[in-house]
PDB file of all heavy atoms in Angstrom:
ATOM      1  N   VAL A   1       0.861  -1.270  -0.045  1.00  0.00           N
ATOM      2  CA  VAL A   1       0.023  -0.012  -0.014  1.00  0.00           C
ATOM      3  C   VAL A   1       0.892   1.277   0.009  1.00  0.00           C
ATOM      4  O   VAL A   1       0.699   2.206  -0.787  1.00  0.00           O
ATOM      5  CB  VAL A   1      -0.961   0.007   1.220  1.00  0.00           C
ATOM      6  CG1 VAL A   1      -1.781   1.292   1.258  1.00  0.00           C
ATOM      7  CG2 VAL A   1      -1.835  -1.193   1.208  1.00  0.00           C
ATOM      8  N   ALA A   2       1.912   1.319   0.889  1.00  0.00           N
ATOM      9  CA  ALA A   2       2.798   2.414   0.973  1.00  0.00           C
ATOM     10  C   ALA A   2       3.630   2.604  -0.364  1.00  0.00           C
ATOM     11  O   ALA A   2       3.983   3.730  -0.777  1.00  0.00           O
ATOM     12  CB  ALA A   2       3.751   2.211   2.020  1.00  0.00           C
ATOM     13  N   GLN A   3       3.750   1.485  -1.121  1.00  0.00           N
ATOM     14  CA  GLN A   3       4.560   1.534  -2.343  1.00  0.00           C
ATOM     15  C   GLN A   3       3.933   2.419  -3.375  1.00  0.00           C
ATOM     16  O   GLN A   3       4.555   3.036  -4.228  1.00  0.00           O
ATOM     17  CB  GLN A   3       4.737   0.144  -2.897  1.00  0.00           C
ATOM     18  CG  GLN A   3       5.694  -0.002  -4.000  1.00  0.00           C
ATOM     19  CD  GLN A   3       5.194  -1.008  -5.073  1.00  0.00           C
ATOM     20  OE1 GLN A   3       4.108  -0.790  -5.682  1.00  0.00           O
ATOM     21  NE2 GLN A   3       5.923  -2.009  -5.310  1.00  0.00           N
ATOM     22  N   VAL A   4       2.539   2.530  -3.394  1.00  0.00           N
ATOM     23  CA  VAL A   4       1.843   3.357  -4.355  1.00  0.00           C
ATOM     24  C   VAL A   4       2.271   4.732  -4.463  1.00  0.00           C
ATOM     25  O   VAL A   4       2.450   5.443  -5.434  1.00  0.00           O
ATOM     26  CB  VAL A   4       0.374   3.172  -4.261  1.00  0.00           C
ATOM     27  CG1 VAL A   4      -0.398   4.047  -5.298  1.00  0.00           C
ATOM     28  CG2 VAL A   4      -0.130   1.764  -4.307  1.00  0.00           C
ATOM     29  N   THR A   5       2.465   5.380  -3.182  1.00  0.00           N
ATOM     30  CA  THR A   5       2.853   6.707  -3.058  1.00  0.00           C
ATOM     31  C   THR A   5       4.295   6.878  -2.729  1.00  0.00           C
ATOM     32  O   THR A   5       4.913   7.942  -2.854  1.00  0.00           O
ATOM     33  CB  THR A   5       2.031   7.436  -1.956  1.00  0.00           C
ATOM     34  OG1 THR A   5       2.217   6.774  -0.714  1.00  0.00           O
ATOM     35  CG2 THR A   5       0.541   7.549  -2.340  1.00  0.00           C
ATOM     36  N   GLY A   6       4.913   5.791  -2.363  1.00  0.00           N
ATOM     37  CA  GLY A   6       6.365   5.844  -1.854  1.00  0.00           C
ATOM     38  C   GLY A   6       7.390   5.655  -2.974  1.00  0.00           C
ATOM     39  O   GLY A   6       7.138   5.375  -4.032  1.00  0.00           O
ATOM     40  N   ARG A   7       8.624   5.966  -2.482  1.00  0.00           N
ATOM     41  CA  ARG A   7       9.788   5.935  -3.434  1.00  0.00           C
ATOM     42  C   ARG A   7      10.038   4.456  -3.759  1.00  0.00           C
ATOM     43  O   ARG A   7      10.206   3.653  -2.863  1.00  0.00           O
ATOM     44  CB  ARG A   7      10.902   6.605  -2.874  1.00  0.00           C
ATOM     45  CG  ARG A   7      12.129   6.682  -3.725  1.00  0.00           C
ATOM     46  CD  ARG A   7      13.282   7.404  -3.012  1.00  0.00           C
ATOM     47  NE  ARG A   7      12.898   8.772  -2.587  1.00  0.00           N
ATOM     48  CZ  ARG A   7      13.600   9.530  -1.799  1.00  0.00           C
ATOM     49  NH1 ARG A   7      14.866   9.135  -1.415  1.00  0.00           N
ATOM     50  NH2 ARG A   7      13.135  10.730  -1.488  1.00  0.00           N
ATOM     51  N   VAL A   8      10.446   4.138  -4.961  1.00  0.00           N
ATOM     52  CA  VAL A   8      11.084   2.877  -5.366  1.00  0.00           C
ATOM     53  C   VAL A   8      12.519   2.933  -5.064  1.00  0.00           C
ATOM     54  O   VAL A   8      13.345   3.609  -5.808  1.00  0.00           O
ATOM     55  CB  VAL A   8      10.803   2.540  -6.837  1.00  0.00           C
ATOM     56  CG1 VAL A   8      11.510   1.241  -7.205  1.00  0.00           C
ATOM     57  CG2 VAL A   8       9.307   2.421  -7.089  1.00  0.00           C
ATOM     58  N   ARG A   9      13.039   2.368  -4.012  1.00  0.00           N
ATOM     59  CA  ARG A   9      14.378   2.418  -3.525  1.00  0.00           C
ATOM     60  C   ARG A   9      15.158   1.289  -4.194  1.00  0.00           C
ATOM     61  O   ARG A   9      15.758   0.406  -3.473  1.00  0.00           O
ATOM     62  CB  ARG A   9      14.537   2.433  -2.042  1.00  0.00           C
ATOM     63  CG  ARG A   9      13.801   3.558  -1.319  1.00  0.00           C
ATOM     64  CD  ARG A   9      13.825   3.482   0.151  1.00  0.00           C
ATOM     65  NE  ARG A   9      13.026   4.535   0.737  1.00  0.00           N
ATOM     66  CZ  ARG A   9      13.511   5.854   1.018  1.00  0.00           C
ATOM     67  NH1 ARG A   9      14.801   6.091   0.789  1.00  0.00           N
ATOM     68  NH2 ARG A   9      12.741   6.746   1.560  1.00  0.00           N
ATOM     69  N   TRP A  10      15.282   1.366  -5.574  1.00  0.00           N
ATOM     70  CA  TRP A  10      15.994   0.244  -6.220  1.00  0.00           C
ATOM     71  C   TRP A  10      17.476   0.132  -5.954  1.00  0.00           C
ATOM     72  O   TRP A  10      17.990  -0.910  -5.614  1.00  0.00           O
ATOM     73  CB  TRP A  10      15.614   0.185  -7.699  1.00  0.00           C
ATOM     74  CG  TRP A  10      16.194  -0.899  -8.367  1.00  0.00           C
ATOM     75  CD1 TRP A  10      17.259  -1.080  -9.216  1.00  0.00           C
ATOM     76  CD2 TRP A  10      15.666  -2.317  -8.206  1.00  0.00           C
ATOM     77  NE1 TRP A  10      17.449  -2.371  -9.514  1.00  0.00           N
ATOM     78  CE2 TRP A  10      16.607  -3.117  -9.002  1.00  0.00           C
ATOM     79  CE3 TRP A  10      14.634  -2.897  -7.506  1.00  0.00           C
ATOM     80  CZ2 TRP A  10      16.382  -4.541  -9.064  1.00  0.00           C
ATOM     81  CZ3 TRP A  10      14.541  -4.379  -7.530  1.00  0.00           C
ATOM     82  CH2 TRP A  10      15.376  -5.083  -8.379  1.00  0.00           C
ATOM     83  N   ARG A  11      18.046   1.282  -5.977  1.00  0.00           N
ATOM     84  CA  ARG A  11      19.553   1.276  -5.746  1.00  0.00           C
ATOM     85  C   ARG A  11      19.816   0.769  -4.339  1.00  0.00           C
ATOM     86  O   ARG A  11      20.720  -0.052  -4.210  1.00  0.00           O
ATOM     87  CB  ARG A  11      20.102   2.773  -5.857  1.00  0.00           C
ATOM     88  CG  ARG A  11      21.528   2.882  -5.651  1.00  0.00           C
ATOM     89  CD  ARG A  11      21.897   4.353  -5.670  1.00  0.00           C
ATOM     90  NE  ARG A  11      21.246   5.226  -4.773  1.00  0.00           N
ATOM     91  CZ  ARG A  11      21.576   5.360  -3.390  1.00  0.00           C
ATOM     92  NH1 ARG A  11      22.656   4.755  -2.973  1.00  0.00           N
ATOM     93  NH2 ARG A  11      20.883   6.176  -2.649  1.00  0.00           N
ATOM     94  N   GLU A  12      19.095   1.244  -3.368  1.00  0.00           N
ATOM     95  CA  GLU A  12      19.319   0.837  -1.942  1.00  0.00           C
ATOM     96  C   GLU A  12      18.929  -0.642  -1.805  1.00  0.00           C
ATOM     97  O   GLU A  12      19.604  -1.370  -1.075  1.00  0.00           O
ATOM     98  CB  GLU A  12      18.484   1.618  -1.027  1.00  0.00           C
ATOM     99  CG  GLU A  12      18.896   3.111  -0.943  1.00  0.00           C
ATOM    100  CD  GLU A  12      17.908   3.863  -0.079  1.00  0.00           C
ATOM    101  OE1 GLU A  12      17.821   3.705   1.152  1.00  0.00           O
ATOM    102  OE2 GLU A  12      17.134   4.714  -0.666  1.00  0.00           O
ATOM    103  N   SER A  13      17.967  -1.110  -2.559  1.00  0.00           N
ATOM    104  CA  SER A  13      17.596  -2.610  -2.461  1.00  0.00           C
ATOM    105  C   SER A  13      18.780  -3.473  -3.070  1.00  0.00           C
ATOM    106  O   SER A  13      19.001  -4.467  -2.368  1.00  0.00           O
ATOM    107  CB  SER A  13      16.288  -2.840  -3.320  1.00  0.00           C
ATOM    108  OG  SER A  13      15.251  -2.097  -2.778  1.00  0.00           O
ATOM    109  N   VAL A  14      19.262  -2.974  -4.108  1.00  0.00           N
ATOM    110  CA  VAL A  14      20.478  -3.904  -4.654  1.00  0.00           C
ATOM    111  C   VAL A  14      21.523  -3.824  -3.724  1.00  0.00           C
ATOM    112  O   VAL A  14      22.192  -4.874  -3.444  1.00  0.00           O
ATOM    113  CB  VAL A  14      20.815  -3.291  -6.075  1.00  0.00           C
ATOM    114  CG1 VAL A  14      22.152  -3.930  -6.497  1.00  0.00           C
ATOM    115  CG2 VAL A  14      19.775  -3.452  -7.062  1.00  0.00           C
ATOM    116  N   LEU A  15      21.933  -2.698  -3.096  1.00  0.00           N
ATOM    117  CA  LEU A  15      23.042  -2.610  -2.130  1.00  0.00           C
ATOM    118  C   LEU A  15      22.713  -3.424  -0.943  1.00  0.00           C
ATOM    119  O   LEU A  15      23.649  -4.066  -0.379  1.00  0.00           O
ATOM    120  CB  LEU A  15      23.250  -1.150  -1.745  1.00  0.00           C
ATOM    121  CG  LEU A  15      23.774  -0.245  -2.855  1.00  0.00           C
ATOM    122  CD1 LEU A  15      23.846   1.172  -2.373  1.00  0.00           C
ATOM    123  CD2 LEU A  15      25.211  -0.714  -3.309  1.00  0.00           C
ATOM    124  N   ALA A  16      21.514  -3.444  -0.485  1.00  0.00           N
ATOM    125  CA  ALA A  16      21.063  -4.233   0.639  1.00  0.00           C
ATOM    126  C   ALA A  16      21.283  -5.793   0.286  1.00  0.00           C
ATOM    127  O   ALA A  16      21.801  -6.531   1.163  1.00  0.00           O
ATOM    128  CB  ALA A  16      19.674  -4.004   1.118  1.00  0.00           C
ATOM    129  N   MET A  17      20.877  -6.238  -0.848  1.00  0.00           N
ATOM    130  CA  MET A  17      21.011  -7.583  -1.267  1.00  0.00           C
ATOM    131  C   MET A  17      22.454  -7.999  -1.386  1.00  0.00           C
ATOM    132  O   MET A  17      22.864  -9.025  -0.930  1.00  0.00           O
ATOM    133  CB  MET A  17      20.208  -7.848  -2.621  1.00  0.00           C
ATOM    134  CG  MET A  17      18.750  -7.961  -2.423  1.00  0.00           C
ATOM    135  SD  MET A  17      17.877  -8.403  -3.930  1.00  0.00           S
ATOM    136  CE  MET A  17      17.605  -6.769  -4.629  1.00  0.00           C
ATOM    137  N   ARG A  18      23.259  -7.032  -1.867  1.00  0.00           N
ATOM    138  CA  ARG A  18      24.731  -7.255  -2.002  1.00  0.00           C
ATOM    139  C   ARG A  18      25.263  -7.411  -0.583  1.00  0.00           C
ATOM    140  O   ARG A  18      26.172  -8.289  -0.317  1.00  0.00           O
ATOM    141  CB  ARG A  18      25.387  -6.088  -2.702  1.00  0.00           C
ATOM    142  CG  ARG A  18      25.059  -6.074  -4.222  1.00  0.00           C
ATOM    143  CD  ARG A  18      25.806  -7.263  -4.933  1.00  0.00           C
ATOM    144  NE  ARG A  18      27.197  -6.945  -5.197  1.00  0.00           N
ATOM    145  CZ  ARG A  18      28.178  -7.887  -5.220  1.00  0.00           C
ATOM    146  NH1 ARG A  18      27.869  -9.146  -5.095  1.00  0.00           N
ATOM    147  NH2 ARG A  18      29.435  -7.512  -5.414  1.00  0.00           N
ATOM    148  N   ALA A  19      24.923  -6.525   0.330  1.00  0.00           N
ATOM    149  CA  ALA A  19      25.438  -6.565   1.709  1.00  0.00           C
ATOM    150  C   ALA A  19      25.063  -7.856   2.377  1.00  0.00           C
ATOM    151  O   ALA A  19      25.797  -8.402   3.216  1.00  0.00           O
ATOM    152  CB  ALA A  19      24.910  -5.410   2.528  1.00  0.00           C
ATOM    153  N   ASP A  20      23.957  -8.454   2.017  1.00  0.00           N
ATOM    154  CA  ASP A  20      23.498  -9.702   2.600  1.00  0.00           C
ATOM    155  C   ASP A  20      24.012 -10.928   1.864  1.00  0.00           C
ATOM    156  O   ASP A  20      23.739 -12.123   2.243  1.00  0.00           O
ATOM    157  CB  ASP A  20      21.925  -9.761   2.572  1.00  0.00           C
ATOM    158  CG  ASP A  20      21.216  -8.818   3.533  1.00  0.00           C
ATOM    159  OD1 ASP A  20      21.989  -8.340   4.480  1.00  0.00           O
ATOM    160  OD2 ASP A  20      19.993  -8.566   3.445  1.00  0.00           O
ATOM    161  N   GLY A  21      24.857 -10.695   0.929  1.00  0.00           N
ATOM    162  CA  GLY A  21      25.598 -11.804   0.276  1.00  0.00           C
ATOM    163  C   GLY A  21      25.218 -12.225  -1.158  1.00  0.00           C
ATOM    164  O   GLY A  21      25.734 -13.189  -1.680  1.00  0.00           O
ATOM    165  N   VAL A  22      24.275 -11.444  -1.728  1.00  0.00           N
ATOM    166  CA  VAL A  22      23.876 -11.828  -3.139  1.00  0.00           C
ATOM    167  C   VAL A  22      24.951 -11.388  -4.063  1.00  0.00           C
ATOM    168  O   VAL A  22      25.370 -10.303  -4.086  1.00  0.00           O
ATOM    169  CB  VAL A  22      22.492 -11.117  -3.494  1.00  0.00           C
ATOM    170  CG1 VAL A  22      22.162 -11.406  -4.961  1.00  0.00           C
ATOM    171  CG2 VAL A  22      21.350 -11.704  -2.557  1.00  0.00           C
ATOM    172  N   GLY A  23      25.295 -12.402  -4.847  1.00  0.00           N
ATOM    173  CA  GLY A  23      26.368 -12.133  -5.933  1.00  0.00           C
ATOM    174  C   GLY A  23      25.863 -12.161  -7.290  1.00  0.00           C
ATOM    175  O   GLY A  23      26.490 -11.625  -8.200  1.00  0.00           O
ATOM    176  N   HIS A  24      24.695 -12.761  -7.516  1.00  0.00           N
ATOM    177  CA  HIS A  24      24.167 -13.145  -8.796  1.00  0.00           C
ATOM    178  C   HIS A  24      22.695 -12.672  -8.921  1.00  0.00           C
ATOM    179  O   HIS A  24      21.880 -13.139  -8.038  1.00  0.00           O
ATOM    180  CB  HIS A  24      24.267 -14.580  -9.186  1.00  0.00           C
ATOM    181  CG  HIS A  24      23.891 -14.884 -10.611  1.00  0.00           C
ATOM    182  ND1 HIS A  24      23.690 -16.228 -11.040  1.00  0.00           N
ATOM    183  CD2 HIS A  24      23.758 -14.194 -11.671  1.00  0.00           C
ATOM    184  CE1 HIS A  24      23.399 -16.188 -12.324  1.00  0.00           C
ATOM    185  NE2 HIS A  24      23.426 -14.931 -12.691  1.00  0.00           N
ATOM    186  N   PHE A  25      22.386 -11.757  -9.821  1.00  0.00           N
ATOM    187  CA  PHE A  25      20.963 -11.239  -9.991  1.00  0.00           C
ATOM    188  C   PHE A  25      20.531 -11.743 -11.301  1.00  0.00           C
ATOM    189  O   PHE A  25      21.060 -11.555 -12.364  1.00  0.00           O
ATOM    190  CB  PHE A  25      21.021  -9.675  -9.959  1.00  0.00           C
ATOM    191  CG  PHE A  25      21.359  -9.095  -8.693  1.00  0.00           C
ATOM    192  CD1 PHE A  25      22.699  -8.958  -8.294  1.00  0.00           C
ATOM    193  CD2 PHE A  25      20.422  -8.718  -7.795  1.00  0.00           C
ATOM    194  CE1 PHE A  25      23.046  -8.355  -7.141  1.00  0.00           C
ATOM    195  CE2 PHE A  25      20.743  -8.111  -6.520  1.00  0.00           C
ATOM    196  CZ  PHE A  25      22.108  -7.900  -6.240  1.00  0.00           C
ATOM    197  N   VAL A  26      19.300 -12.436 -11.284  1.00  0.00           N
ATOM    198  CA  VAL A  26      18.765 -13.074 -12.467  1.00  0.00           C
ATOM    199  C   VAL A  26      17.485 -12.302 -12.783  1.00  0.00           C
ATOM    200  O   VAL A  26      16.416 -12.425 -12.015  1.00  0.00           O
ATOM    201  CB  VAL A  26      18.441 -14.576 -12.309  1.00  0.00           C
ATOM    202  CG1 VAL A  26      17.955 -15.149 -13.609  1.00  0.00           C
ATOM    203  CG2 VAL A  26      19.776 -15.239 -11.902  1.00  0.00           C
TER     204      VAL A  26
END
């Protein structure tokens, strides 16, 4: 629901996944 008006934090999402150990994005 919040996403409709909220910011798409894609850059931060990718950095968060990287920090959690993701090396491969498909």
